[in-house]
N, C-alpha and C. Protein backbone atom coordinates (compact mmCIF):
# COMPACT_ATOMS: atom_id res chain seq x y z
N MET A 1 13.63 7.04 -23.95
CA MET A 1 12.36 7.69 -24.01
C MET A 1 12.16 7.64 -22.42
N SER A 2 11.51 8.71 -21.78
CA SER A 2 11.29 8.90 -20.26
C SER A 2 9.94 8.00 -20.02
N ALA A 3 9.74 7.57 -19.03
CA ALA A 3 8.62 6.88 -18.51
C ALA A 3 7.47 8.05 -18.03
N ARG A 4 6.40 7.94 -18.71
CA ARG A 4 5.18 9.10 -18.09
C ARG A 4 4.77 8.59 -16.77
N THR A 5 4.90 9.31 -15.89
CA THR A 5 5.05 8.90 -14.41
C THR A 5 3.90 9.77 -13.78
N ILE A 6 3.09 8.81 -12.88
CA ILE A 6 2.34 9.82 -11.71
C ILE A 6 2.63 9.73 -10.35
N ILE A 7 2.73 10.78 -9.41
CA ILE A 7 3.04 10.45 -8.14
C ILE A 7 1.81 10.63 -7.31
N VAL A 8 1.56 9.75 -6.37
CA VAL A 8 0.25 9.71 -5.57
C VAL A 8 0.67 9.37 -4.07
N ASP A 9 0.34 10.67 -3.34
CA ASP A 9 0.56 10.86 -1.77
C ASP A 9 -0.47 11.72 -1.29
N ASP A 10 -1.13 11.56 -0.19
CA ASP A 10 -1.92 12.41 0.42
C ASP A 10 -1.37 13.45 1.04
N HIS A 11 0.03 13.73 1.15
CA HIS A 11 0.56 14.63 1.92
C HIS A 11 1.42 15.43 0.79
N ALA A 12 0.96 16.72 0.36
CA ALA A 12 1.69 17.70 -0.40
C ALA A 12 3.20 17.84 -0.30
N ILE A 13 3.57 17.97 0.76
CA ILE A 13 5.10 18.19 1.06
C ILE A 13 5.90 16.74 0.67
N VAL A 14 5.24 15.58 0.96
CA VAL A 14 5.90 14.29 0.44
C VAL A 14 6.04 14.17 -0.95
N ARG A 15 4.84 14.45 -1.79
CA ARG A 15 4.87 14.25 -3.01
C ARG A 15 5.82 15.40 -3.64
N ARG A 16 5.91 16.64 -3.12
CA ARG A 16 6.97 17.40 -3.41
C ARG A 16 8.22 17.00 -3.51
N GLY A 17 8.73 16.16 -2.35
CA GLY A 17 10.01 15.80 -2.16
C GLY A 17 10.17 14.35 -3.22
N ILE A 18 9.23 13.73 -3.31
CA ILE A 18 9.52 12.61 -4.21
C ILE A 18 9.58 13.24 -5.58
N VAL A 19 8.86 14.19 -6.32
CA VAL A 19 9.09 14.72 -7.53
C VAL A 19 10.40 15.58 -7.61
N GLN A 20 10.86 15.92 -6.56
CA GLN A 20 12.30 16.64 -6.46
C GLN A 20 13.38 15.65 -6.74
N ILE A 21 13.05 14.58 -5.95
CA ILE A 21 14.30 13.36 -6.35
C ILE A 21 14.36 12.83 -7.46
N LEU A 22 12.91 12.41 -7.86
CA LEU A 22 12.74 11.78 -9.33
C LEU A 22 12.97 12.80 -10.35
N SER A 23 12.96 13.92 -10.33
CA SER A 23 13.44 14.86 -11.36
C SER A 23 15.05 14.69 -11.70
N ALA A 24 15.85 14.06 -10.87
CA ALA A 24 17.16 13.88 -11.10
C ALA A 24 17.33 12.74 -12.03
N ASN A 25 16.26 12.03 -12.49
CA ASN A 25 16.54 10.70 -13.23
C ASN A 25 15.72 11.02 -14.65
N PRO A 26 16.78 10.99 -15.60
CA PRO A 26 16.18 11.36 -16.78
C PRO A 26 15.31 10.48 -17.64
N ARG A 27 15.00 9.09 -16.88
CA ARG A 27 14.31 8.22 -17.30
C ARG A 27 12.68 8.52 -16.92
N VAL A 28 12.59 9.29 -16.12
CA VAL A 28 11.37 9.67 -15.41
C VAL A 28 10.78 11.05 -16.12
N GLN A 29 9.56 11.25 -16.37
CA GLN A 29 8.67 12.28 -16.74
C GLN A 29 7.42 12.36 -16.01
N ILE A 30 7.54 12.95 -15.10
CA ILE A 30 6.08 13.39 -13.94
C ILE A 30 5.54 14.21 -14.76
N VAL A 31 4.22 13.56 -15.29
CA VAL A 31 3.27 14.27 -15.94
C VAL A 31 2.11 14.79 -15.00
N ALA A 32 1.72 14.29 -13.83
CA ALA A 32 0.77 14.53 -12.57
C ALA A 32 1.11 14.14 -11.44
N GLU A 33 0.31 14.87 -10.54
CA GLU A 33 0.31 14.51 -9.12
C GLU A 33 -1.15 14.14 -8.53
N ALA A 34 -1.36 13.25 -7.53
CA ALA A 34 -2.69 12.90 -7.21
C ALA A 34 -2.58 12.95 -5.57
N SER A 35 -3.70 13.24 -5.08
CA SER A 35 -3.70 13.34 -3.51
C SER A 35 -4.42 12.06 -2.95
N ASP A 36 -5.19 11.56 -3.88
CA ASP A 36 -6.35 10.48 -3.47
C ASP A 36 -6.74 9.64 -4.69
N TYR A 37 -7.52 8.58 -4.58
CA TYR A 37 -7.85 7.99 -5.64
C TYR A 37 -8.70 8.48 -6.61
N PRO A 38 -9.65 9.49 -6.13
CA PRO A 38 -10.37 10.25 -7.35
C PRO A 38 -9.64 11.11 -8.38
N THR A 39 -8.72 11.82 -7.61
CA THR A 39 -7.72 12.49 -8.29
C THR A 39 -6.85 11.87 -9.26
N LEU A 40 -6.58 10.62 -8.86
CA LEU A 40 -5.59 9.74 -9.39
C LEU A 40 -6.42 9.22 -10.82
N ARG A 41 -7.67 8.84 -10.77
CA ARG A 41 -8.35 8.46 -11.93
C ARG A 41 -8.62 9.53 -12.74
N ILE A 42 -8.67 10.89 -12.38
CA ILE A 42 -8.83 11.95 -13.02
C ILE A 42 -7.47 12.19 -13.90
N ALA A 43 -6.54 12.18 -13.31
CA ALA A 43 -4.97 12.27 -13.87
C ALA A 43 -4.93 11.16 -15.06
N LEU A 44 -5.35 10.09 -14.61
CA LEU A 44 -5.17 8.87 -15.73
C LEU A 44 -5.97 9.05 -16.84
N ARG A 45 -7.16 9.84 -16.77
CA ARG A 45 -7.97 9.69 -17.86
C ARG A 45 -7.65 11.22 -18.54
N THR A 46 -6.88 11.93 -17.87
CA THR A 46 -6.34 13.44 -18.84
C THR A 46 -5.13 13.12 -19.42
N HIS A 47 -4.11 12.36 -18.72
CA HIS A 47 -2.80 12.11 -19.49
C HIS A 47 -2.49 10.84 -20.28
N GLY A 48 -3.61 10.06 -20.55
CA GLY A 48 -3.35 9.01 -21.42
C GLY A 48 -2.56 7.81 -20.75
N GLU A 49 -1.80 7.11 -21.42
CA GLU A 49 -1.13 6.27 -20.93
C GLU A 49 0.18 6.44 -20.12
N ILE A 50 0.13 5.95 -19.04
CA ILE A 50 1.10 6.01 -18.06
C ILE A 50 1.94 4.85 -17.76
N GLU A 51 3.13 5.00 -17.73
CA GLU A 51 4.06 3.72 -17.55
C GLU A 51 4.37 3.45 -16.23
N LEU A 52 4.46 4.46 -15.26
CA LEU A 52 4.83 4.25 -13.93
C LEU A 52 4.11 4.79 -13.02
N LEU A 53 3.64 4.23 -11.99
CA LEU A 53 2.84 4.96 -10.76
C LEU A 53 3.93 4.66 -9.54
N VAL A 54 4.13 5.59 -8.85
CA VAL A 54 4.50 5.85 -7.54
C VAL A 54 3.66 6.18 -6.49
N THR A 55 3.29 5.50 -5.69
CA THR A 55 1.98 5.59 -4.93
C THR A 55 2.34 5.10 -3.51
N ASP A 56 1.73 6.11 -2.46
CA ASP A 56 1.69 5.31 -1.09
C ASP A 56 0.57 4.51 -1.01
N ILE A 57 0.45 3.78 -0.04
CA ILE A 57 -0.55 2.33 0.18
C ILE A 57 -1.51 3.02 1.11
N GLY A 58 -1.29 3.98 1.90
CA GLY A 58 -2.26 4.53 2.92
C GLY A 58 -2.94 5.79 2.33
N LEU A 59 -3.92 5.80 1.50
CA LEU A 59 -4.62 6.88 0.98
C LEU A 59 -6.03 6.93 1.52
N PRO A 60 -6.54 8.28 1.70
CA PRO A 60 -7.78 8.43 2.03
C PRO A 60 -8.99 7.95 1.11
N GLY A 61 -10.07 7.12 1.67
CA GLY A 61 -11.09 6.92 0.90
C GLY A 61 -11.17 5.44 0.22
N LYS A 62 -9.89 5.03 0.00
CA LYS A 62 -9.88 3.82 -0.71
C LYS A 62 -8.37 2.71 -0.36
N ASP A 63 -8.56 1.84 -0.11
CA ASP A 63 -7.54 1.00 0.26
C ASP A 63 -6.40 0.97 -0.70
N GLY A 64 -5.20 1.22 -0.39
CA GLY A 64 -4.17 1.09 -1.56
C GLY A 64 -3.93 -0.18 -2.02
N ILE A 65 -4.11 -1.18 -1.27
CA ILE A 65 -3.83 -2.53 -2.08
C ILE A 65 -4.82 -2.75 -3.08
N GLU A 66 -6.27 -2.35 -2.60
CA GLU A 66 -7.32 -2.56 -3.46
C GLU A 66 -7.34 -1.58 -4.76
N ILE A 67 -6.63 -0.45 -4.62
CA ILE A 67 -6.62 0.24 -5.98
C ILE A 67 -5.35 -0.43 -6.60
N LEU A 68 -4.45 -0.75 -6.06
CA LEU A 68 -3.34 -1.44 -6.84
C LEU A 68 -3.82 -2.63 -7.71
N ARG A 69 -4.48 -3.53 -7.00
CA ARG A 69 -5.24 -4.72 -7.73
C ARG A 69 -6.16 -4.11 -8.86
N GLN A 70 -6.99 -3.08 -8.62
CA GLN A 70 -7.75 -2.61 -9.80
C GLN A 70 -7.08 -2.24 -10.95
N LEU A 71 -6.03 -1.21 -10.52
CA LEU A 71 -5.29 -0.66 -11.58
C LEU A 71 -4.42 -1.89 -12.42
N ARG A 72 -3.97 -2.76 -11.73
CA ARG A 72 -3.34 -3.82 -12.36
C ARG A 72 -4.19 -4.67 -13.53
N GLU A 73 -5.55 -4.71 -12.93
CA GLU A 73 -6.40 -5.31 -13.83
C GLU A 73 -6.75 -4.75 -15.05
N GLU A 74 -6.85 -3.46 -14.86
CA GLU A 74 -7.25 -2.32 -16.03
C GLU A 74 -5.86 -2.14 -16.95
N MET A 75 -4.86 -1.92 -16.29
CA MET A 75 -3.45 -1.65 -17.05
C MET A 75 -2.50 -2.55 -16.75
N PRO A 76 -2.38 -3.84 -17.21
CA PRO A 76 -1.60 -4.78 -16.97
C PRO A 76 -0.15 -4.48 -17.01
N LYS A 77 0.15 -3.51 -18.25
CA LYS A 77 1.60 -3.04 -18.39
C LYS A 77 1.97 -1.96 -17.39
N LEU A 78 1.26 -1.52 -16.80
CA LEU A 78 1.57 -0.30 -15.66
C LEU A 78 2.47 -1.08 -14.60
N LYS A 79 3.58 -0.23 -14.42
CA LYS A 79 4.43 -0.73 -13.51
C LYS A 79 4.14 0.19 -12.11
N VAL A 80 4.21 -0.50 -11.00
CA VAL A 80 3.83 0.47 -9.87
C VAL A 80 4.96 0.18 -8.58
N LEU A 81 5.30 1.34 -8.15
CA LEU A 81 6.32 1.40 -7.06
C LEU A 81 5.53 1.79 -5.74
N VAL A 82 5.43 1.12 -4.67
CA VAL A 82 4.59 1.59 -3.69
C VAL A 82 5.92 1.96 -2.79
N LEU A 83 5.30 3.35 -2.33
CA LEU A 83 6.24 3.94 -1.38
C LEU A 83 5.53 4.02 0.00
N SER A 84 6.04 3.65 1.00
CA SER A 84 4.79 3.70 1.97
C SER A 84 5.57 3.79 3.56
N MET A 85 4.67 4.52 4.48
CA MET A 85 5.28 4.64 5.89
C MET A 85 5.32 3.24 6.80
N TYR A 86 4.49 1.99 5.94
CA TYR A 86 4.23 0.88 6.72
C TYR A 86 5.57 0.07 6.68
N PRO A 87 5.89 -0.55 7.57
CA PRO A 87 7.20 -1.65 7.55
C PRO A 87 6.75 -2.73 6.53
N GLU A 88 7.95 -3.19 6.03
CA GLU A 88 7.88 -4.01 4.67
C GLU A 88 7.22 -5.41 5.17
N ASP A 89 7.51 -5.77 6.36
CA ASP A 89 7.08 -7.23 6.64
C ASP A 89 5.44 -7.11 7.15
N GLN A 90 5.01 -5.81 7.11
CA GLN A 90 3.17 -5.70 7.30
C GLN A 90 2.80 -5.66 5.94
N TYR A 91 3.31 -4.94 5.13
CA TYR A 91 2.57 -4.78 3.70
C TYR A 91 2.87 -5.45 2.52
N ALA A 92 4.46 -5.47 2.52
CA ALA A 92 5.11 -5.72 1.21
C ALA A 92 4.31 -6.98 0.56
N VAL A 93 4.31 -8.12 1.27
CA VAL A 93 3.75 -9.31 0.45
C VAL A 93 2.52 -9.10 0.07
N ARG A 94 1.83 -8.32 0.71
CA ARG A 94 0.37 -8.10 0.34
C ARG A 94 0.27 -7.25 -1.09
N ALA A 95 1.50 -6.25 -0.96
CA ALA A 95 1.47 -5.34 -2.18
C ALA A 95 1.78 -6.09 -3.53
N PHE A 96 2.77 -7.10 -3.31
CA PHE A 96 3.28 -7.88 -4.30
C PHE A 96 2.47 -8.77 -5.07
N ARG A 97 1.66 -9.36 -4.11
CA ARG A 97 0.39 -10.28 -4.48
C ARG A 97 -0.54 -9.44 -5.37
N ALA A 98 -0.83 -8.13 -5.02
CA ALA A 98 -1.61 -7.30 -5.69
C ALA A 98 -1.14 -6.97 -7.01
N GLY A 99 0.22 -7.21 -7.23
CA GLY A 99 0.66 -6.63 -8.41
C GLY A 99 2.01 -5.71 -8.44
N ALA A 100 2.33 -5.33 -7.30
CA ALA A 100 3.31 -4.07 -7.10
C ALA A 100 4.62 -4.67 -8.05
N SER A 101 5.44 -3.91 -8.38
CA SER A 101 6.58 -4.13 -8.87
C SER A 101 7.70 -3.79 -8.04
N GLY A 102 7.35 -3.00 -6.97
CA GLY A 102 8.56 -2.84 -6.06
C GLY A 102 7.78 -1.98 -4.76
N TYR A 103 8.68 -2.30 -3.79
CA TYR A 103 8.04 -1.71 -2.35
C TYR A 103 9.26 -1.01 -1.58
N LEU A 104 8.97 0.26 -1.05
CA LEU A 104 10.07 0.98 -0.54
C LEU A 104 9.48 1.68 0.69
N ASN A 105 10.15 1.56 1.94
CA ASN A 105 9.76 2.16 3.09
C ASN A 105 10.12 3.87 2.87
N LYS A 106 9.34 4.67 3.17
CA LYS A 106 9.76 6.42 3.11
C LYS A 106 10.72 6.57 3.85
N ALA A 107 11.11 5.61 4.92
CA ALA A 107 12.40 6.12 5.79
C ALA A 107 13.63 6.02 4.92
N SER A 108 13.58 5.37 3.81
CA SER A 108 14.73 4.91 2.84
C SER A 108 15.57 6.17 2.40
N ALA A 109 16.75 6.09 2.08
CA ALA A 109 17.34 7.14 1.40
C ALA A 109 17.01 7.56 0.24
N PRO A 110 17.15 8.87 -0.36
CA PRO A 110 16.72 9.01 -1.86
C PRO A 110 17.29 8.33 -2.78
N GLU A 111 18.60 7.94 -2.65
CA GLU A 111 19.20 7.14 -3.57
C GLU A 111 18.58 5.68 -3.75
N ARG A 112 17.94 5.36 -2.72
CA ARG A 112 17.10 3.79 -2.58
C ARG A 112 15.86 4.43 -3.60
N LEU A 113 15.29 5.24 -3.44
CA LEU A 113 14.06 5.62 -4.25
C LEU A 113 14.70 5.40 -5.63
N LEU A 114 15.67 6.22 -6.16
CA LEU A 114 16.11 6.33 -7.49
C LEU A 114 16.63 4.70 -8.20
N GLU A 115 17.05 4.08 -7.01
CA GLU A 115 17.35 2.79 -7.39
C GLU A 115 16.32 1.88 -7.74
N ALA A 116 15.08 1.99 -6.80
CA ALA A 116 13.89 1.30 -7.10
C ALA A 116 13.14 1.68 -8.28
N VAL A 117 13.25 2.93 -8.72
CA VAL A 117 12.43 3.32 -10.02
C VAL A 117 13.35 2.90 -11.15
N ASP A 118 14.75 2.63 -11.31
CA ASP A 118 15.41 2.18 -12.04
C ASP A 118 15.20 0.58 -12.59
N ALA A 119 15.24 -0.22 -11.28
CA ALA A 119 14.74 -1.52 -11.33
C ALA A 119 13.45 -1.68 -12.08
N VAL A 120 12.49 -0.90 -11.41
CA VAL A 120 11.14 -1.34 -11.89
C VAL A 120 10.93 -0.79 -13.36
N LEU A 121 11.54 0.24 -13.89
CA LEU A 121 11.42 0.58 -15.43
C LEU A 121 12.18 -0.48 -16.23
N ALA A 122 13.32 -1.00 -15.59
CA ALA A 122 13.88 -2.06 -16.45
C ALA A 122 13.26 -3.32 -16.30
N GLY A 123 12.20 -3.42 -15.91
CA GLY A 123 11.26 -4.54 -15.94
C GLY A 123 11.51 -5.64 -14.69
N ARG A 124 12.34 -5.30 -13.56
CA ARG A 124 12.61 -6.26 -12.37
C ARG A 124 11.83 -5.89 -11.46
N LYS A 125 11.67 -6.46 -10.36
CA LYS A 125 11.01 -6.37 -9.08
C LYS A 125 12.18 -5.74 -8.25
N PHE A 126 11.74 -4.68 -7.33
CA PHE A 126 12.59 -4.16 -6.64
C PHE A 126 12.18 -4.62 -4.91
N VAL A 127 13.61 -5.26 -4.57
CA VAL A 127 13.02 -5.95 -3.49
C VAL A 127 14.11 -5.66 -2.24
N THR A 128 13.84 -4.97 -1.49
CA THR A 128 15.02 -4.76 -0.23
C THR A 128 15.32 -6.04 0.70
N PRO A 129 16.51 -6.11 1.23
CA PRO A 129 16.72 -7.27 2.20
C PRO A 129 15.41 -7.66 2.99
N GLU A 130 14.67 -6.69 3.58
CA GLU A 130 13.84 -6.77 4.57
C GLU A 130 12.61 -7.42 3.73
N ILE A 131 12.15 -6.95 2.56
CA ILE A 131 11.19 -7.65 1.82
C ILE A 131 11.41 -9.20 1.65
N ALA A 132 12.79 -9.33 1.23
CA ALA A 132 13.23 -10.61 0.62
C ALA A 132 12.93 -11.81 2.04
N GLN A 133 13.37 -11.29 3.07
CA GLN A 133 13.29 -11.97 4.35
C GLN A 133 11.72 -12.25 4.50
N ALA A 134 10.91 -11.09 4.44
CA ALA A 134 9.54 -11.42 4.75
C ALA A 134 8.85 -12.31 3.78
N LEU A 135 9.27 -12.25 2.48
CA LEU A 135 8.76 -13.21 1.46
C LEU A 135 9.18 -14.72 1.75
N ILE A 136 10.50 -14.78 2.23
CA ILE A 136 10.78 -16.49 2.40
C ILE A 136 10.17 -16.71 3.57
N ASP A 137 10.05 -15.84 4.64
CA ASP A 137 9.25 -16.30 5.86
C ASP A 137 7.90 -16.78 5.66
N ASN A 138 7.32 -15.95 4.60
CA ASN A 138 5.94 -16.23 4.12
C ASN A 138 5.92 -17.66 3.44
N LEU A 139 6.86 -17.92 2.60
CA LEU A 139 6.95 -19.20 2.08
C LEU A 139 6.87 -20.28 3.07
N GLN A 140 7.75 -19.89 3.75
CA GLN A 140 8.17 -21.32 4.93
C GLN A 140 7.16 -21.40 5.72
N ALA A 141 6.42 -20.52 6.07
CA ALA A 141 5.62 -20.60 7.30
C ALA A 141 4.40 -21.42 7.07
N PRO A 142 3.90 -22.28 7.96
CA PRO A 142 2.62 -23.14 7.73
C PRO A 142 1.62 -22.34 6.93
N GLN A 143 0.80 -22.95 6.22
CA GLN A 143 -0.06 -21.89 5.76
C GLN A 143 -1.32 -21.54 6.81
N GLN A 144 -1.48 -20.04 6.80
CA GLN A 144 -2.18 -19.47 7.80
C GLN A 144 -1.87 -19.58 9.11
N ALA A 145 -0.63 -19.91 9.51
CA ALA A 145 0.00 -20.08 10.79
C ALA A 145 -0.06 -18.85 11.78
N VAL A 146 -0.10 -17.53 11.04
CA VAL A 146 -0.21 -16.40 11.97
C VAL A 146 -1.77 -15.85 11.52
N PRO A 147 -2.57 -15.74 12.56
CA PRO A 147 -3.87 -15.45 12.67
C PRO A 147 -4.41 -14.18 11.71
N HIS A 148 -3.52 -13.26 11.65
CA HIS A 148 -3.58 -12.02 11.07
C HIS A 148 -3.58 -12.24 9.36
N GLU A 149 -2.89 -13.25 8.89
CA GLU A 149 -2.70 -13.68 7.75
C GLU A 149 -4.09 -14.27 7.11
N LYS A 150 -4.81 -14.58 8.01
CA LYS A 150 -6.14 -15.04 7.28
C LYS A 150 -7.13 -13.91 6.88
N LEU A 151 -6.83 -12.63 7.07
CA LEU A 151 -7.52 -11.58 6.96
C LEU A 151 -7.31 -11.07 5.21
N SER A 152 -8.56 -10.75 4.81
CA SER A 152 -8.56 -9.82 3.53
C SER A 152 -7.58 -8.59 3.62
N ASP A 153 -7.35 -7.88 2.51
CA ASP A 153 -6.74 -6.71 2.72
C ASP A 153 -7.45 -5.72 3.63
N ARG A 154 -8.75 -5.44 3.12
CA ARG A 154 -9.61 -4.70 3.66
C ARG A 154 -9.74 -4.81 5.24
N GLU A 155 -10.00 -6.26 5.73
CA GLU A 155 -10.21 -6.63 7.16
C GLU A 155 -8.82 -6.31 7.88
N PHE A 156 -7.81 -6.53 6.99
CA PHE A 156 -6.49 -6.24 7.79
C PHE A 156 -6.27 -4.70 8.11
N GLN A 157 -6.82 -3.95 7.20
CA GLN A 157 -6.58 -2.54 7.19
C GLN A 157 -7.62 -1.97 8.32
N THR A 158 -8.66 -2.58 8.48
CA THR A 158 -9.70 -2.42 9.58
C THR A 158 -9.27 -2.91 10.89
N LEU A 159 -8.38 -3.79 10.91
CA LEU A 159 -7.86 -4.43 12.17
C LEU A 159 -6.86 -3.23 12.83
N LYS A 160 -6.10 -2.83 11.81
CA LYS A 160 -5.13 -1.65 12.26
C LYS A 160 -5.61 -0.44 12.73
N LEU A 161 -6.87 -0.01 11.99
CA LEU A 161 -7.62 1.16 12.51
C LEU A 161 -8.11 0.73 13.87
N ILE A 162 -8.71 -0.26 14.15
CA ILE A 162 -9.20 -0.40 15.63
C ILE A 162 -8.26 -0.51 16.59
N ALA A 163 -7.19 -1.24 16.11
CA ALA A 163 -6.10 -1.34 17.33
C ALA A 163 -5.66 0.01 17.32
N SER A 164 -5.66 0.85 16.62
CA SER A 164 -4.87 2.21 16.85
C SER A 164 -5.95 3.14 17.65
N GLY A 165 -7.16 2.59 18.07
CA GLY A 165 -8.04 3.42 18.79
C GLY A 165 -9.01 4.20 17.86
N LYS A 166 -9.04 3.90 16.73
CA LYS A 166 -10.17 4.75 15.88
C LYS A 166 -11.65 4.08 16.23
N ARG A 167 -12.56 5.12 16.57
CA ARG A 167 -13.93 4.85 16.48
C ARG A 167 -14.37 4.12 15.27
N LEU A 168 -15.46 3.40 15.41
CA LEU A 168 -16.26 2.78 14.11
C LEU A 168 -16.44 3.91 13.20
N ALA A 169 -17.27 5.18 13.58
CA ALA A 169 -17.56 6.37 12.69
C ALA A 169 -16.48 6.65 12.01
N ASP A 170 -15.09 6.68 12.54
CA ASP A 170 -13.87 7.32 11.92
C ASP A 170 -13.54 6.42 10.82
N ILE A 171 -13.49 5.14 11.30
CA ILE A 171 -12.98 3.83 10.40
C ILE A 171 -13.75 3.94 9.29
N ALA A 172 -15.21 4.00 9.20
CA ALA A 172 -16.22 4.03 8.35
C ALA A 172 -15.94 5.34 7.29
N GLU A 173 -15.44 6.61 7.65
CA GLU A 173 -15.00 7.73 7.03
C GLU A 173 -13.74 7.34 6.34
N ALA A 174 -12.87 6.80 6.94
CA ALA A 174 -11.41 6.80 6.36
C ALA A 174 -11.55 5.77 5.09
N LEU A 175 -12.30 4.88 5.35
CA LEU A 175 -12.48 3.74 4.32
C LEU A 175 -13.40 3.87 3.38
N ALA A 176 -14.26 5.02 3.61
CA ALA A 176 -15.23 5.37 2.55
C ALA A 176 -16.59 4.22 2.60
N LEU A 177 -16.68 3.67 3.75
CA LEU A 177 -17.60 2.70 4.00
C LEU A 177 -18.74 2.68 4.96
N SER A 178 -19.95 2.37 4.94
CA SER A 178 -20.91 2.48 5.94
C SER A 178 -20.40 1.99 7.25
N PRO A 179 -20.97 2.53 8.32
CA PRO A 179 -20.59 2.01 9.79
C PRO A 179 -21.04 0.68 9.92
N LYS A 180 -22.09 0.39 9.22
CA LYS A 180 -22.59 -1.24 9.12
C LYS A 180 -21.64 -2.22 8.59
N THR A 181 -21.26 -1.58 7.23
CA THR A 181 -20.15 -2.46 6.88
C THR A 181 -18.86 -2.65 7.83
N VAL A 182 -18.42 -1.89 8.32
CA VAL A 182 -17.29 -1.73 9.18
C VAL A 182 -17.55 -2.71 10.42
N SER A 183 -18.76 -2.64 10.76
CA SER A 183 -19.16 -3.60 11.80
C SER A 183 -18.97 -5.23 11.36
N VAL A 184 -19.44 -5.17 10.12
CA VAL A 184 -19.25 -6.64 9.46
C VAL A 184 -17.81 -7.15 9.36
N TYR A 185 -17.03 -6.20 8.93
CA TYR A 185 -15.58 -6.60 8.97
C TYR A 185 -14.98 -6.85 10.32
N ARG A 186 -15.34 -5.98 11.18
CA ARG A 186 -14.88 -6.35 12.79
C ARG A 186 -15.38 -7.80 13.11
N ALA A 187 -16.57 -8.05 13.09
CA ALA A 187 -17.01 -9.44 13.40
C ALA A 187 -16.44 -10.51 12.75
N ARG A 188 -16.09 -10.38 11.37
CA ARG A 188 -15.42 -11.18 10.56
C ARG A 188 -13.69 -11.36 11.19
N ILE A 189 -13.38 -10.15 11.45
CA ILE A 189 -11.91 -10.27 12.04
C ILE A 189 -11.88 -11.00 13.41
N LEU A 190 -12.85 -10.71 14.13
CA LEU A 190 -12.75 -11.59 15.46
C LEU A 190 -13.02 -13.14 15.33
N GLU A 191 -13.96 -13.24 14.43
CA GLU A 191 -14.26 -14.78 14.22
C GLU A 191 -12.98 -15.34 13.78
N LYS A 192 -12.44 -14.91 12.53
CA LYS A 192 -11.33 -15.50 11.68
C LYS A 192 -9.99 -15.64 12.91
N MET A 193 -9.77 -14.84 13.67
CA MET A 193 -8.74 -14.47 14.66
C MET A 193 -8.93 -15.06 16.05
N GLY A 194 -10.19 -15.75 16.25
CA GLY A 194 -10.55 -16.19 17.57
C GLY A 194 -10.24 -15.29 18.76
N LEU A 195 -10.61 -13.99 18.44
CA LEU A 195 -10.66 -13.16 19.58
C LEU A 195 -12.11 -12.77 19.90
N ARG A 196 -12.23 -12.10 21.11
CA ARG A 196 -13.69 -11.79 21.72
C ARG A 196 -14.10 -10.42 21.66
N ASN A 197 -13.25 -9.56 21.51
CA ASN A 197 -13.64 -8.06 21.41
C ASN A 197 -12.49 -7.16 21.14
N ASN A 198 -12.63 -5.84 21.16
CA ASN A 198 -11.64 -4.83 20.75
C ASN A 198 -10.27 -4.96 21.50
N ALA A 199 -10.48 -5.20 22.81
CA ALA A 199 -9.34 -5.14 23.76
C ALA A 199 -8.27 -6.32 23.24
N GLU A 200 -8.99 -7.46 22.92
CA GLU A 200 -8.02 -8.75 22.49
C GLU A 200 -7.32 -8.32 21.52
N LEU A 201 -8.24 -7.72 20.41
CA LEU A 201 -7.72 -7.33 19.12
C LEU A 201 -6.58 -6.27 19.16
N THR A 202 -6.74 -5.58 20.09
CA THR A 202 -5.69 -4.27 20.37
C THR A 202 -4.35 -5.03 20.75
N HIS A 203 -4.63 -5.90 21.87
CA HIS A 203 -3.27 -6.52 22.56
C HIS A 203 -2.82 -7.39 21.40
N TYR A 204 -3.59 -8.06 20.58
CA TYR A 204 -2.88 -8.89 19.61
C TYR A 204 -1.98 -7.84 18.72
N ALA A 205 -2.51 -6.91 18.08
CA ALA A 205 -1.93 -5.91 17.43
C ALA A 205 -0.66 -5.53 17.70
N ILE A 206 -0.50 -4.89 19.09
CA ILE A 206 0.44 -4.39 19.74
C ILE A 206 1.58 -5.34 19.84
N LYS A 207 1.31 -6.52 20.49
CA LYS A 207 2.01 -7.66 20.47
C LYS A 207 2.72 -8.20 19.26
N ASN A 208 2.08 -8.04 18.01
CA ASN A 208 2.77 -8.44 16.85
C ASN A 208 3.14 -7.40 16.03
N GLY A 209 3.54 -6.02 16.59
CA GLY A 209 3.88 -4.85 15.80
C GLY A 209 3.10 -4.50 14.71
N LEU A 210 1.72 -4.66 14.74
CA LEU A 210 0.80 -4.37 13.47
C LEU A 210 0.33 -2.74 13.72
N VAL A 211 0.83 -2.05 14.79
CA VAL A 211 0.53 -0.69 15.35
C VAL A 211 1.47 -0.11 16.04
């Protein structure tokens, strides 16, 4: 029996490509597509039990890691394959901690996507060599040895947006938060990382390949 699947990505052309690739897999039945969290919730209510979610992590309005954690709490049996533009060493560990079944970079070949889906549907974790190395490094590193590892998922996302040159108002809109809340996140980031201002934060992010 084919796994009932929803594809989530905020770019229509990317969704179309994913659908086209997965249509070649008889184990997958795509029942809906979604561009953001609200349309995903509508799709989940409309189509009943879903077995597989293939989703981007950078969605408008709500952090992908936060979405993943919430969905896993609500639907423990749901298998989630994260398909992202972010490098594995930046987000994969966070995604797996939140309950992801697999993580794949969008730059991967179509065959890798099919391989990842097969692994996830078989009940296995899909881990690329890059992710395996990141997981090993994370286990072997002294606890919180890297300053940005001290951050929560939302703080980490805020850090990346600040370092990318986004204004406070733009960050608030992107994360569906108030500017005051974003300012609180910024203050926490600076305190946790021992930085003094946005310039130091941006320098750190560039030096560590976060942007």
